[in-house]
Amino acid sequence: MKRITKSDIEPAFRAWVYLMDGRIAASYNDVGGYSLTHSTVYGGWSIEQITNGTGGVRQVHYGRMPGRQFLDALQLAIASLRDYQNSRSYAEKLMADSQRVATA
């Protein structure tokens, strides 16, 4: 079984941030930015959002996860966001088509 490393997780994290219409934090005081963190002491990977200018954070999910579980959860979130965005754009297209037909 392949070991999950940072090089596996970072691209998925960037995709998740993009789909969330967010941004990756540039520093500890980048309020609103998302940060990918890892700690072997505390049990794995986590996504945090910076909440104030002194480095306060909130975890996006509860707790930390080992690499494989974290990557699986992140991939599920990415697939769900893509499905939601696709269904939403399809619904908007249907609404626009029905309005165009109603005014014709």
PDB file of N, CA and C in Angstrom:
ATOM      1  N   MET A   1       0.845  -1.170   0.000  1.00  0.00           N
ATOM      2  CA  MET A   1       0.000   0.000   0.000  1.00  0.00           C
ATOM      3  C   MET A   1       0.895   1.238   0.000  1.00  0.00           C
ATOM      4  N   LYS A   2       0.586   2.176  -0.886  1.00  0.00           N
ATOM      5  CA  LYS A   2       1.386   3.392  -1.021  1.00  0.00           C
ATOM      6  C   LYS A   2       1.208   4.303   0.187  1.00  0.00           C
ATOM      7  N   ARG A   3       2.300   4.822   0.668  1.00  0.00           N
ATOM      8  CA  ARG A   3       2.275   5.770   1.779  1.00  0.00           C
ATOM      9  C   ARG A   3       1.794   7.127   1.265  1.00  0.00           C
ATOM     10  N   ILE A   4       0.885   7.761   1.983  1.00  0.00           N
ATOM     11  CA  ILE A   4       0.367   9.074   1.608  1.00  0.00           C
ATOM     12  C   ILE A   4       1.288  10.146   2.189  1.00  0.00           C
ATOM     13  N   THR A   5       1.765  11.040   1.329  1.00  0.00           N
ATOM     14  CA  THR A   5       2.698  12.079   1.756  1.00  0.00           C
ATOM     15  C   THR A   5       2.119  13.458   1.451  1.00  0.00           C
ATOM     16  N   LYS A   6       2.857  14.455   1.848  1.00  0.00           N
ATOM     17  CA  LYS A   6       2.451  15.842   1.610  1.00  0.00           C
ATOM     18  C   LYS A   6       2.262  16.098   0.115  1.00  0.00           C
ATOM     19  N   SER A   7       3.088  15.478  -0.715  1.00  0.00           N
ATOM     20  CA  SER A   7       2.971  15.690  -2.166  1.00  0.00           C
ATOM     21  C   SER A   7       1.674  15.100  -2.722  1.00  0.00           C
ATOM     22  N   ASP A   8       1.052  14.164  -2.009  1.00  0.00           N
ATOM     23  CA  ASP A   8      -0.253  13.628  -2.410  1.00  0.00           C
ATOM     24  C   ASP A   8      -1.380  14.541  -1.924  1.00  0.00           C
ATOM     25  N   ILE A   9      -1.209  15.095  -0.737  1.00  0.00           N
ATOM     26  CA  ILE A   9      -2.273  15.855  -0.085  1.00  0.00           C
ATOM     27  C   ILE A   9      -2.348  17.300  -0.580  1.00  0.00           C
ATOM     28  N   GLU A  10      -1.210  17.936  -0.833  1.00  0.00           N
ATOM     29  CA  GLU A  10      -1.224  19.352  -1.212  1.00  0.00           C
ATOM     30  C   GLU A  10      -2.048  19.659  -2.468  1.00  0.00           C
ATOM     31  N   PRO A  11      -1.947  18.883  -3.554  1.00  0.00           N
ATOM     32  CA  PRO A  11      -2.765  19.193  -4.734  1.00  0.00           C
ATOM     33  C   PRO A  11      -4.269  19.101  -4.437  1.00  0.00           C
ATOM     34  N   ALA A  12      -4.659  18.123  -3.633  1.00  0.00           N
ATOM     35  CA  ALA A  12      -6.075  18.001  -3.263  1.00  0.00           C
ATOM     36  C   ALA A  12      -6.501  19.182  -2.400  1.00  0.00           C
ATOM     37  N   PHE A  13      -5.633  19.615  -1.497  1.00  0.00           N
ATOM     38  CA  PHE A  13      -5.928  20.787  -0.670  1.00  0.00           C
ATOM     39  C   PHE A  13      -6.115  22.032  -1.541  1.00  0.00           C
ATOM     40  N   ARG A  14      -5.223  22.238  -2.504  1.00  0.00           N
ATOM     41  CA  ARG A  14      -5.344  23.398  -3.401  1.00  0.00           C
ATOM     42  C   ARG A  14      -6.645  23.338  -4.205  1.00  0.00           C
ATOM     43  N   ALA A  15      -7.017  22.156  -4.672  1.00  0.00           N
ATOM     44  CA  ALA A  15      -8.275  22.000  -5.417  1.00  0.00           C
ATOM     45  C   ALA A  15      -9.469  22.312  -4.524  1.00  0.00           C
ATOM     46  N   TRP A  16      -9.440  21.843  -3.278  1.00  0.00           N
ATOM     47  CA  TRP A  16     -10.533  22.105  -2.338  1.00  0.00           C
ATOM     48  C   TRP A  16     -10.664  23.599  -2.067  1.00  0.00           C
ATOM     49  N   VAL A  17      -9.546  24.276  -1.838  1.00  0.00           N
ATOM     50  CA  VAL A  17      -9.568  25.725  -1.585  1.00  0.00           C
ATOM     51  C   VAL A  17     -10.153  26.458  -2.797  1.00  0.00           C
ATOM     52  N   TYR A  18      -9.741  26.059  -4.000  1.00  0.00           N
ATOM     53  CA  TYR A  18     -10.255  26.681  -5.223  1.00  0.00           C
ATOM     54  C   TYR A  18     -11.773  26.503  -5.325  1.00  0.00           C
ATOM     55  N   LEU A  19     -12.253  25.288  -5.092  1.00  0.00           N
ATOM     56  CA  LEU A  19     -13.688  25.021  -5.188  1.00  0.00           C
ATOM     57  C   LEU A  19     -14.481  25.732  -4.097  1.00  0.00           C
ATOM     58  N   MET A  20     -13.852  25.997  -2.967  1.00  0.00           N
ATOM     59  CA  MET A  20     -14.500  26.739  -1.877  1.00  0.00           C
ATOM     60  C   MET A  20     -14.481  28.239  -2.143  1.00  0.00           C
ATOM     61  N   ASP A  21     -13.865  28.638  -3.254  1.00  0.00           N
ATOM     62  CA  ASP A  21     -13.701  30.051  -3.598  1.00  0.00           C
ATOM     63  C   ASP A  21     -12.925  30.775  -2.496  1.00  0.00           C
ATOM     64  N   GLY A  22     -11.920  30.069  -1.966  1.00  0.00           N
ATOM     65  CA  GLY A  22     -11.105  30.617  -0.891  1.00  0.00           C
ATOM     66  C   GLY A  22      -9.699  30.905  -1.372  1.00  0.00           C
ATOM     67  N   ARG A  23      -8.804  31.037  -0.416  1.00  0.00           N
ATOM     68  CA  ARG A  23      -7.402  31.263  -0.745  1.00  0.00           C
ATOM     69  C   ARG A  23      -6.533  30.580   0.305  1.00  0.00           C
ATOM     70  N   ILE A  24      -5.341  30.235  -0.099  1.00  0.00           N
ATOM     71  CA  ILE A  24      -4.384  29.632   0.817  1.00  0.00           C
ATOM     72  C   ILE A  24      -3.710  30.762   1.584  1.00  0.00           C
ATOM     73  N   ALA A  25      -3.653  30.623   2.890  1.00  0.00           N
ATOM     74  CA  ALA A  25      -3.068  31.659   3.735  1.00  0.00           C
ATOM     75  C   ALA A  25      -1.592  31.854   3.398  1.00  0.00           C
ATOM     76  N   ALA A  26      -1.219  33.123   3.251  1.00  0.00           N
ATOM     77  CA  ALA A  26       0.179  33.448   2.960  1.00  0.00           C
ATOM     78  C   ALA A  26       1.020  33.502   4.230  1.00  0.00           C
ATOM     79  N   SER A  27       0.382  33.769   5.364  1.00  0.00           N
ATOM     80  CA  SER A  27       1.086  33.843   6.638  1.00  0.00           C
ATOM     81  C   SER A  27       0.097  33.593   7.778  1.00  0.00           C
ATOM     82  N   TYR A  28       0.591  33.598   9.001  1.00  0.00           N
ATOM     83  CA  TYR A  28      -0.256  33.304  10.159  1.00  0.00           C
ATOM     84  C   TYR A  28      -1.322  34.372  10.406  1.00  0.00           C
ATOM     85  N   ASN A  29      -1.159  35.562   9.835  1.00  0.00           N
ATOM     86  CA  ASN A  29      -2.144  36.621  10.062  1.00  0.00           C
ATOM     87  C   ASN A  29      -2.971  36.942   8.815  1.00  0.00           C
ATOM     88  N   ASP A  30      -3.054  36.031   7.884  1.00  0.00           N
ATOM     89  CA  ASP A  30      -3.845  36.193   6.657  1.00  0.00           C
ATOM     90  C   ASP A  30      -5.286  35.769   6.952  1.00  0.00           C
ATOM     91  N   VAL A  31      -6.043  36.673   7.566  1.00  0.00           N
ATOM     92  CA  VAL A  31      -7.394  36.363   8.044  1.00  0.00           C
ATOM     93  C   VAL A  31      -8.276  35.880   6.887  1.00  0.00           C
ATOM     94  N   GLY A  32      -8.949  34.756   7.101  1.00  0.00           N
ATOM     95  CA  GLY A  32      -9.822  34.163   6.098  1.00  0.00           C
ATOM     96  C   GLY A  32      -9.144  33.114   5.243  1.00  0.00           C
ATOM     97  N   GLY A  33      -7.829  33.096   5.236  1.00  0.00           N
ATOM     98  CA  GLY A  33      -7.092  32.123   4.439  1.00  0.00           C
ATOM     99  C   GLY A  33      -7.106  30.744   5.082  1.00  0.00           C
ATOM    100  N   TYR A  34      -6.935  29.732   4.249  1.00  0.00           N
ATOM    101  CA  TYR A  34      -6.901  28.346   4.717  1.00  0.00           C
ATOM    102  C   TYR A  34      -5.459  27.854   4.801  1.00  0.00           C
ATOM    103  N   SER A  35      -5.193  27.041   5.795  1.00  0.00           N
ATOM    104  CA  SER A  35      -3.860  26.521   6.017  1.00  0.00           C
ATOM    105  C   SER A  35      -3.933  25.006   6.206  1.00  0.00           C
ATOM    106  N   LEU A  36      -3.036  24.299   5.547  1.00  0.00           N
ATOM    107  CA  LEU A  36      -2.920  22.851   5.698  1.00  0.00           C
ATOM    108  C   LEU A  36      -1.854  22.595   6.750  1.00  0.00           C
ATOM    109  N   THR A  37      -2.208  21.866   7.794  1.00  0.00           N
ATOM    110  CA  THR A  37      -1.243  21.616   8.860  1.00  0.00           C
ATOM    111  C   THR A  37      -1.089  20.116   9.107  1.00  0.00           C
ATOM    112  N   HIS A  38       0.081  19.759   9.576  1.00  0.00           N
ATOM    113  CA  HIS A  38       0.361  18.363   9.914  1.00  0.00           C
ATOM    114  C   HIS A  38       1.111  18.313  11.230  1.00  0.00           C
ATOM    115  N   SER A  39       0.732  17.382  12.068  1.00  0.00           N
ATOM    116  CA  SER A  39       1.419  17.174  13.327  1.00  0.00           C
ATOM    117  C   SER A  39       1.410  15.685  13.663  1.00  0.00           C
ATOM    118  N   THR A  40       2.577  15.104  13.725  1.00  0.00           N
ATOM    119  CA  THR A  40       2.639  13.694  14.115  1.00  0.00           C
ATOM    120  C   THR A  40       2.300  13.535  15.592  1.00  0.00           C
ATOM    121  N   VAL A  41       2.583  14.553  16.390  1.00  0.00           N
ATOM    122  CA  VAL A  41       2.288  14.488  17.827  1.00  0.00           C
ATOM    123  C   VAL A  41       0.785  14.449  18.071  1.00  0.00           C
ATOM    124  N   TYR A  42       0.026  15.283  17.334  1.00  0.00           N
ATOM    125  CA  TYR A  42      -1.413  15.380  17.564  1.00  0.00           C
ATOM    126  C   TYR A  42      -2.247  14.502  16.639  1.00  0.00           C
ATOM    127  N   GLY A  43      -1.629  13.698  15.823  1.00  0.00           N
ATOM    128  CA  GLY A  43      -2.376  12.690  15.103  1.00  0.00           C
ATOM    129  C   GLY A  43      -2.679  12.916  13.645  1.00  0.00           C
ATOM    130  N   GLY A  44      -1.949  13.771  12.957  1.00  0.00           N
ATOM    131  CA  GLY A  44      -2.134  13.827  11.518  1.00  0.00           C
ATOM    132  C   GLY A  44      -2.417  15.188  10.933  1.00  0.00           C
ATOM    133  N   TRP A  45      -3.253  15.180   9.883  1.00  0.00           N
ATOM    134  CA  TRP A  45      -3.515  16.341   9.036  1.00  0.00           C
ATOM    135  C   TRP A  45      -4.774  17.083   9.457  1.00  0.00           C
ATOM    136  N   SER A  46      -4.776  18.385   9.148  1.00  0.00           N
ATOM    137  CA  SER A  46      -5.931  19.216   9.450  1.00  0.00           C
ATOM    138  C   SER A  46      -5.938  20.423   8.511  1.00  0.00           C
ATOM    139  N   ILE A  47      -7.123  20.961   8.274  1.00  0.00           N
ATOM    140  CA  ILE A  47      -7.259  22.235   7.564  1.00  0.00           C
ATOM    141  C   ILE A  47      -7.754  23.245   8.580  1.00  0.00           C
ATOM    142  N   GLU A  48      -7.071  24.377   8.630  1.00  0.00           N
ATOM    143  CA  GLU A  48      -7.465  25.443   9.535  1.00  0.00           C
ATOM    144  C   GLU A  48      -7.734  26.716   8.741  1.00  0.00           C
ATOM    145  N   GLN A  49      -8.649  27.524   9.255  1.00  0.00           N
ATOM    146  CA  GLN A  49      -8.917  28.835   8.668  1.00  0.00           C
ATOM    147  C   GLN A  49      -8.491  29.882   9.683  1.00  0.00           C
ATOM    148  N   ILE A  50      -7.708  30.831   9.237  1.00  0.00           N
ATOM    149  CA  ILE A  50      -7.210  31.874  10.129  1.00  0.00           C
ATOM    150  C   ILE A  50      -8.351  32.844  10.427  1.00  0.00           C
ATOM    151  N   THR A  51      -8.566  33.108  11.713  1.00  0.00           N
ATOM    152  CA  THR A  51      -9.731  33.900  12.127  1.00  0.00           C
ATOM    153  C   THR A  51      -9.406  35.287  12.644  1.00  0.00           C
ATOM    154  N   ASN A  52      -8.137  35.554  12.966  1.00  0.00           N
ATOM    155  CA  ASN A  52      -7.791  36.914  13.394  1.00  0.00           C
ATOM    156  C   ASN A  52      -6.335  37.209  13.078  1.00  0.00           C
ATOM    157  N   GLY A  53      -5.951  38.455  13.219  1.00  0.00           N
ATOM    158  CA  GLY A  53      -4.623  38.905  12.833  1.00  0.00           C
ATOM    159  C   GLY A  53      -3.494  38.438  13.728  1.00  0.00           C
ATOM    160  N   THR A  54      -3.811  37.786  14.831  1.00  0.00           N
ATOM    161  CA  THR A  54      -2.758  37.287  15.714  1.00  0.00           C
ATOM    162  C   THR A  54      -2.554  35.785  15.573  1.00  0.00           C
ATOM    163  N   GLY A  55      -3.155  35.192  14.560  1.00  0.00           N
ATOM    164  CA  GLY A  55      -2.928  33.779  14.279  1.00  0.00           C
ATOM    165  C   GLY A  55      -3.954  32.829  14.854  1.00  0.00           C
ATOM    166  N   GLY A  56      -5.073  33.353  15.344  1.00  0.00           N
ATOM    167  CA  GLY A  56      -6.139  32.478  15.815  1.00  0.00           C
ATOM    168  C   GLY A  56      -6.711  31.674  14.661  1.00  0.00           C
ATOM    169  N   VAL A  57      -7.039  30.419  14.908  1.00  0.00           N
ATOM    170  CA  VAL A  57      -7.549  29.548  13.839  1.00  0.00           C
ATOM    171  C   VAL A  57      -8.773  28.783  14.317  1.00  0.00           C
ATOM    172  N   ARG A  58      -9.530  28.303  13.340  1.00  0.00           N
ATOM    173  CA  ARG A  58     -10.599  27.346  13.619  1.00  0.00           C
ATOM    174  C   ARG A  58     -10.360  26.164  12.701  1.00  0.00           C
ATOM    175  N   GLN A  59     -10.584  24.974  13.217  1.00  0.00           N
ATOM    176  CA  GLN A  59     -10.446  23.792  12.372  1.00  0.00           C
ATOM    177  C   GLN A  59     -11.685  23.673  11.494  1.00  0.00           C
ATOM    178  N   VAL A  60     -11.469  23.395  10.226  1.00  0.00           N
ATOM    179  CA  VAL A  60     -12.572  23.246   9.283  1.00  0.00           C
ATOM    180  C   VAL A  60     -13.344  21.967   9.564  1.00  0.00           C
ATOM    181  N   HIS A  61     -12.682  20.958  10.080  1.00  0.00           N
ATOM    182  CA  HIS A  61     -13.325  19.709  10.461  1.00  0.00           C
ATOM    183  C   HIS A  61     -12.880  19.375  11.865  1.00  0.00           C
ATOM    184  N   TYR A  62     -13.545  18.448  12.483  1.00  0.00           N
ATOM    185  CA  TYR A  62     -13.213  18.105  13.858  1.00  0.00           C
ATOM    186  C   TYR A  62     -12.016  17.177  13.931  1.00  0.00           C
ATOM    187  N   GLY A  63     -11.004  17.590  14.626  1.00  0.00           N
ATOM    188  CA  GLY A  63      -9.851  16.728  14.869  1.00  0.00           C
ATOM    189  C   GLY A  63      -8.891  16.625  13.699  1.00  0.00           C
ATOM    190  N   ARG A  64      -7.896  15.806  13.898  1.00  0.00           N
ATOM    191  CA  ARG A  64      -6.889  15.535  12.870  1.00  0.00           C
ATOM    192  C   ARG A  64      -7.076  14.116  12.356  1.00  0.00           C
ATOM    193  N   MET A  65      -6.557  13.859  11.152  1.00  0.00           N
ATOM    194  CA  MET A  65      -6.716  12.535  10.551  1.00  0.00           C
ATOM    195  C   MET A  65      -5.389  12.038  10.002  1.00  0.00           C
ATOM    196  N   PRO A  66      -5.192  10.717  10.028  1.00  0.00           N
ATOM    197  CA  PRO A  66      -4.035  10.140   9.344  1.00  0.00           C
ATOM    198  C   PRO A  66      -4.123  10.436   7.844  1.00  0.00           C
ATOM    199  N   GLY A  67      -2.985  10.423   7.171  1.00  0.00           N
ATOM    200  CA  GLY A  67      -2.903  10.823   5.768  1.00  0.00           C
ATOM    201  C   GLY A  67      -3.928  10.189   4.843  1.00  0.00           C
ATOM    202  N   ARG A  68      -4.058   8.879   4.882  1.00  0.00           N
ATOM    203  CA  ARG A  68      -4.976   8.193   3.964  1.00  0.00           C
ATOM    204  C   ARG A  68      -6.426   8.608   4.210  1.00  0.00           C
ATOM    205  N   GLN A  69      -6.838   8.657   5.467  1.00  0.00           N
ATOM    206  CA  GLN A  69      -8.210   9.076   5.792  1.00  0.00           C
ATOM    207  C   GLN A  69      -8.441  10.530   5.396  1.00  0.00           C
ATOM    208  N   PHE A  70      -7.438  11.361   5.645  1.00  0.00           N
ATOM    209  CA  PHE A  70      -7.562  12.779   5.315  1.00  0.00           C
ATOM    210  C   PHE A  70      -7.712  12.971   3.813  1.00  0.00           C
ATOM    211  N   LEU A  71      -6.885  12.286   3.040  1.00  0.00           N
ATOM    212  CA  LEU A  71      -6.960  12.405   1.585  1.00  0.00           C
ATOM    213  C   LEU A  71      -8.298  11.884   1.066  1.00  0.00           C
ATOM    214  N   ASP A  72      -8.781  10.774   1.607  1.00  0.00           N
ATOM    215  CA  ASP A  72     -10.088  10.245   1.203  1.00  0.00           C
ATOM    216  C   ASP A  72     -11.200  11.253   1.510  1.00  0.00           C
ATOM    217  N   ALA A  73     -11.169  11.846   2.691  1.00  0.00           N
ATOM    218  CA  ALA A  73     -12.185  12.835   3.072  1.00  0.00           C
ATOM    219  C   ALA A  73     -12.102  14.068   2.179  1.00  0.00           C
ATOM    220  N   LEU A  74     -10.892  14.506   1.873  1.00  0.00           N
ATOM    221  CA  LEU A  74     -10.702  15.673   1.013  1.00  0.00           C
ATOM    222  C   LEU A  74     -11.195  15.389  -0.404  1.00  0.00           C
ATOM    223  N   GLN A  75     -10.927  14.195  -0.913  1.00  0.00           N
ATOM    224  CA  GLN A  75     -11.403  13.836  -2.250  1.00  0.00           C
ATOM    225  C   GLN A  75     -12.928  13.744  -2.299  1.00  0.00           C
ATOM    226  N   LEU A  76     -13.541  13.262  -1.219  1.00  0.00           N
ATOM    227  CA  LEU A  76     -15.001  13.241  -1.149  1.00  0.00           C
ATOM    228  C   LEU A  76     -15.558  14.663  -1.159  1.00  0.00           C
ATOM    229  N   ALA A  77     -14.941  15.551  -0.401  1.00  0.00           N
ATOM    230  CA  ALA A  77     -15.388  16.943  -0.361  1.00  0.00           C
ATOM    231  C   ALA A  77     -15.244  17.597  -1.735  1.00  0.00           C
ATOM    232  N   ILE A  78     -14.157  17.329  -2.426  1.00  0.00           N
ATOM    233  CA  ILE A  78     -13.935  17.894  -3.764  1.00  0.00           C
ATOM    234  C   ILE A  78     -14.997  17.384  -4.731  1.00  0.00           C
ATOM    235  N   ALA A  79     -15.255  16.080  -4.729  1.00  0.00           N
ATOM    236  CA  ALA A  79     -16.269  15.504  -5.618  1.00  0.00           C
ATOM    237  C   ALA A  79     -17.650  16.087  -5.314  1.00  0.00           C
ATOM    238  N   SER A  80     -17.968  16.258  -4.047  1.00  0.00           N
ATOM    239  CA  SER A  80     -19.271  16.813  -3.656  1.00  0.00           C
ATOM    240  C   SER A  80     -19.408  18.259  -4.112  1.00  0.00           C
ATOM    241  N   LEU A  81     -18.350  19.050  -3.933  1.00  0.00           N
ATOM    242  CA  LEU A  81     -18.393  20.451  -4.363  1.00  0.00           C
ATOM    243  C   LEU A  81     -18.537  20.561  -5.876  1.00  0.00           C
ATOM    244  N   ARG A  82     -17.818  19.699  -6.605  1.00  0.00           N
ATOM    245  CA  ARG A  82     -17.932  19.721  -8.074  1.00  0.00           C
ATOM    246  C   ARG A  82     -19.339  19.331  -8.515  1.00  0.00           C
ATOM    247  N   ASP A  83     -19.902  18.303  -7.905  1.00  0.00           N
ATOM    248  CA  ASP A  83     -21.270  17.893  -8.239  1.00  0.00           C
ATOM    249  C   ASP A  83     -22.260  19.012  -7.944  1.00  0.00           C
ATOM    250  N   TYR A  84     -22.100  19.643  -6.795  1.00  0.00           N
ATOM    251  CA  TYR A  84     -22.985  20.748  -6.419  1.00  0.00           C
ATOM    252  C   TYR A  84     -22.880  21.891  -7.411  1.00  0.00           C
ATOM    253  N   GLN A  85     -21.650  22.269  -7.753  1.00  0.00           N
ATOM    254  CA  GLN A  85     -21.478  23.377  -8.693  1.00  0.00           C
ATOM    255  C   GLN A  85     -22.022  23.027 -10.072  1.00  0.00           C
ATOM    256  N   ASN A  86     -21.828  21.784 -10.520  1.00  0.00           N
ATOM    257  CA  ASN A  86     -22.363  21.368 -11.816  1.00  0.00           C
ATOM    258  C   ASN A  86     -23.887  21.364 -11.817  1.00  0.00           C
ATOM    259  N   SER A  87     -24.492  20.851 -10.742  1.00  0.00           N
ATOM    260  CA  SER A  87     -25.955  20.821 -10.681  1.00  0.00           C
ATOM    261  C   SER A  87     -26.514  22.230 -10.570  1.00  0.00           C
ATOM    262  N   ARG A  88     -25.821  23.095  -9.869  1.00  0.00           N
ATOM    263  CA  ARG A  88     -26.285  24.479  -9.723  1.00  0.00           C
ATOM    264  C   ARG A  88     -26.223  25.215 -11.059  1.00  0.00           C
ATOM    265  N   SER A  89     -25.123  25.039 -11.807  1.00  0.00           N
ATOM    266  CA  SER A  89     -25.022  25.712 -13.096  1.00  0.00           C
ATOM    267  C   SER A  89     -26.048  25.132 -14.072  1.00  0.00           C
ATOM    268  N   TYR A  90     -26.341  23.832 -13.972  1.00  0.00           N
ATOM    269  CA  TYR A  90     -27.362  23.224 -14.817  1.00  0.00           C
ATOM    270  C   TYR A  90     -28.736  23.785 -14.473  1.00  0.00           C
ATOM    271  N   ALA A  91     -29.026  23.937 -13.180  1.00  0.00           N
ATOM    272  CA  ALA A  91     -30.313  24.505 -12.756  1.00  0.00           C
ATOM    273  C   ALA A  91     -30.447  25.952 -13.221  1.00  0.00           C
ATOM    274  N   GLU A  92     -29.363  26.717 -13.150  1.00  0.00           N
ATOM    275  CA  GLU A  92     -29.399  28.103 -13.619  1.00  0.00           C
ATOM    276  C   GLU A  92     -29.648  28.154 -15.123  1.00  0.00           C
ATOM    277  N   LYS A  93     -29.049  27.228 -15.875  1.00  0.00           N
ATOM    278  CA  LYS A  93     -29.274  27.169 -17.316  1.00  0.00           C
ATOM    279  C   LYS A  93     -30.738  26.844 -17.609  1.00  0.00           C
ATOM    280  N   LEU A  94     -31.314  25.902 -16.873  1.00  0.00           N
ATOM    281  CA  LEU A  94     -32.726  25.562 -17.068  1.00  0.00           C
ATOM    282  C   LEU A  94     -33.628  26.760 -16.780  1.00  0.00           C
ATOM    283  N   MET A  95     -33.319  27.483 -15.721  1.00  0.00           N
ATOM    284  CA  MET A  95     -34.110  28.670 -15.369  1.00  0.00           C
ATOM    285  C   MET A  95     -34.016  29.718 -16.473  1.00  0.00           C
ATOM    286  N   ALA A  96     -32.819  29.948 -16.984  1.00  0.00           N
ATOM    287  CA  ALA A  96     -32.635  30.932 -18.053  1.00  0.00           C
ATOM    288  C   ALA A  96     -33.393  30.498 -19.306  1.00  0.00           C
ATOM    289  N   ASP A  97     -33.338  29.200 -19.644  1.00  0.00           N
ATOM    290  CA  ASP A  97     -34.066  28.695 -20.813  1.00  0.00           C
ATOM    291  C   ASP A  97     -35.569  28.854 -20.643  1.00  0.00           C
ATOM    292  N   SER A  98     -36.078  28.547 -19.453  1.00  0.00           N
ATOM    293  CA  SER A  98     -37.524  28.660 -19.232  1.00  0.00           C
ATOM    294  C   SER A  98     -37.967  30.117 -19.266  1.00  0.00           C
ATOM    295  N   GLN A  99     -37.145  31.035 -18.787  1.00  0.00           N
ATOM    296  CA  GLN A  99     -37.493  32.452 -18.841  1.00  0.00           C
ATOM    297  C   GLN A  99     -37.461  32.968 -20.282  1.00  0.00           C
ATOM    298  N   ARG A 100     -36.513  32.471 -21.054  1.00  0.00           N
ATOM    299  CA  ARG A 100     -36.405  32.879 -22.452  1.00  0.00           C
ATOM    300  C   ARG A 100     -37.641  32.372 -23.224  1.00  0.00           C
ATOM    301  N   VAL A 101     -38.089  31.154 -22.956  1.00  0.00           N
ATOM    302  CA  VAL A 101     -39.258  30.592 -23.613  1.00  0.00           C
ATOM    303  C   VAL A 101     -40.525  31.365 -23.195  1.00  0.00           C
ATOM    304  N   ALA A 102     -40.611  31.734 -21.925  1.00  0.00           N
ATOM    305  CA  ALA A 102     -41.790  32.451 -21.413  1.00  0.00           C
ATOM    306  C   ALA A 102     -41.917  33.841 -22.025  1.00  0.00           C
ATOM    307  N   THR A 103     -40.816  34.483 -22.352  1.00  0.00           N
ATOM    308  CA  THR A 103     -40.882  35.842 -22.906  1.00  0.00           C
ATOM    309  C   THR A 103     -40.959  35.844 -24.425  1.00  0.00           C
ATOM    310  N   ALA A 104     -40.809  34.680 -25.047  1.00  0.00           N
ATOM    311  CA  ALA A 104     -40.844  34.603 -26.507  1.00  0.00           C
ATOM    312  C   ALA A 104     -42.279  34.618 -27.033  1.00  0.00           C
TER     313      ALA A 104
END
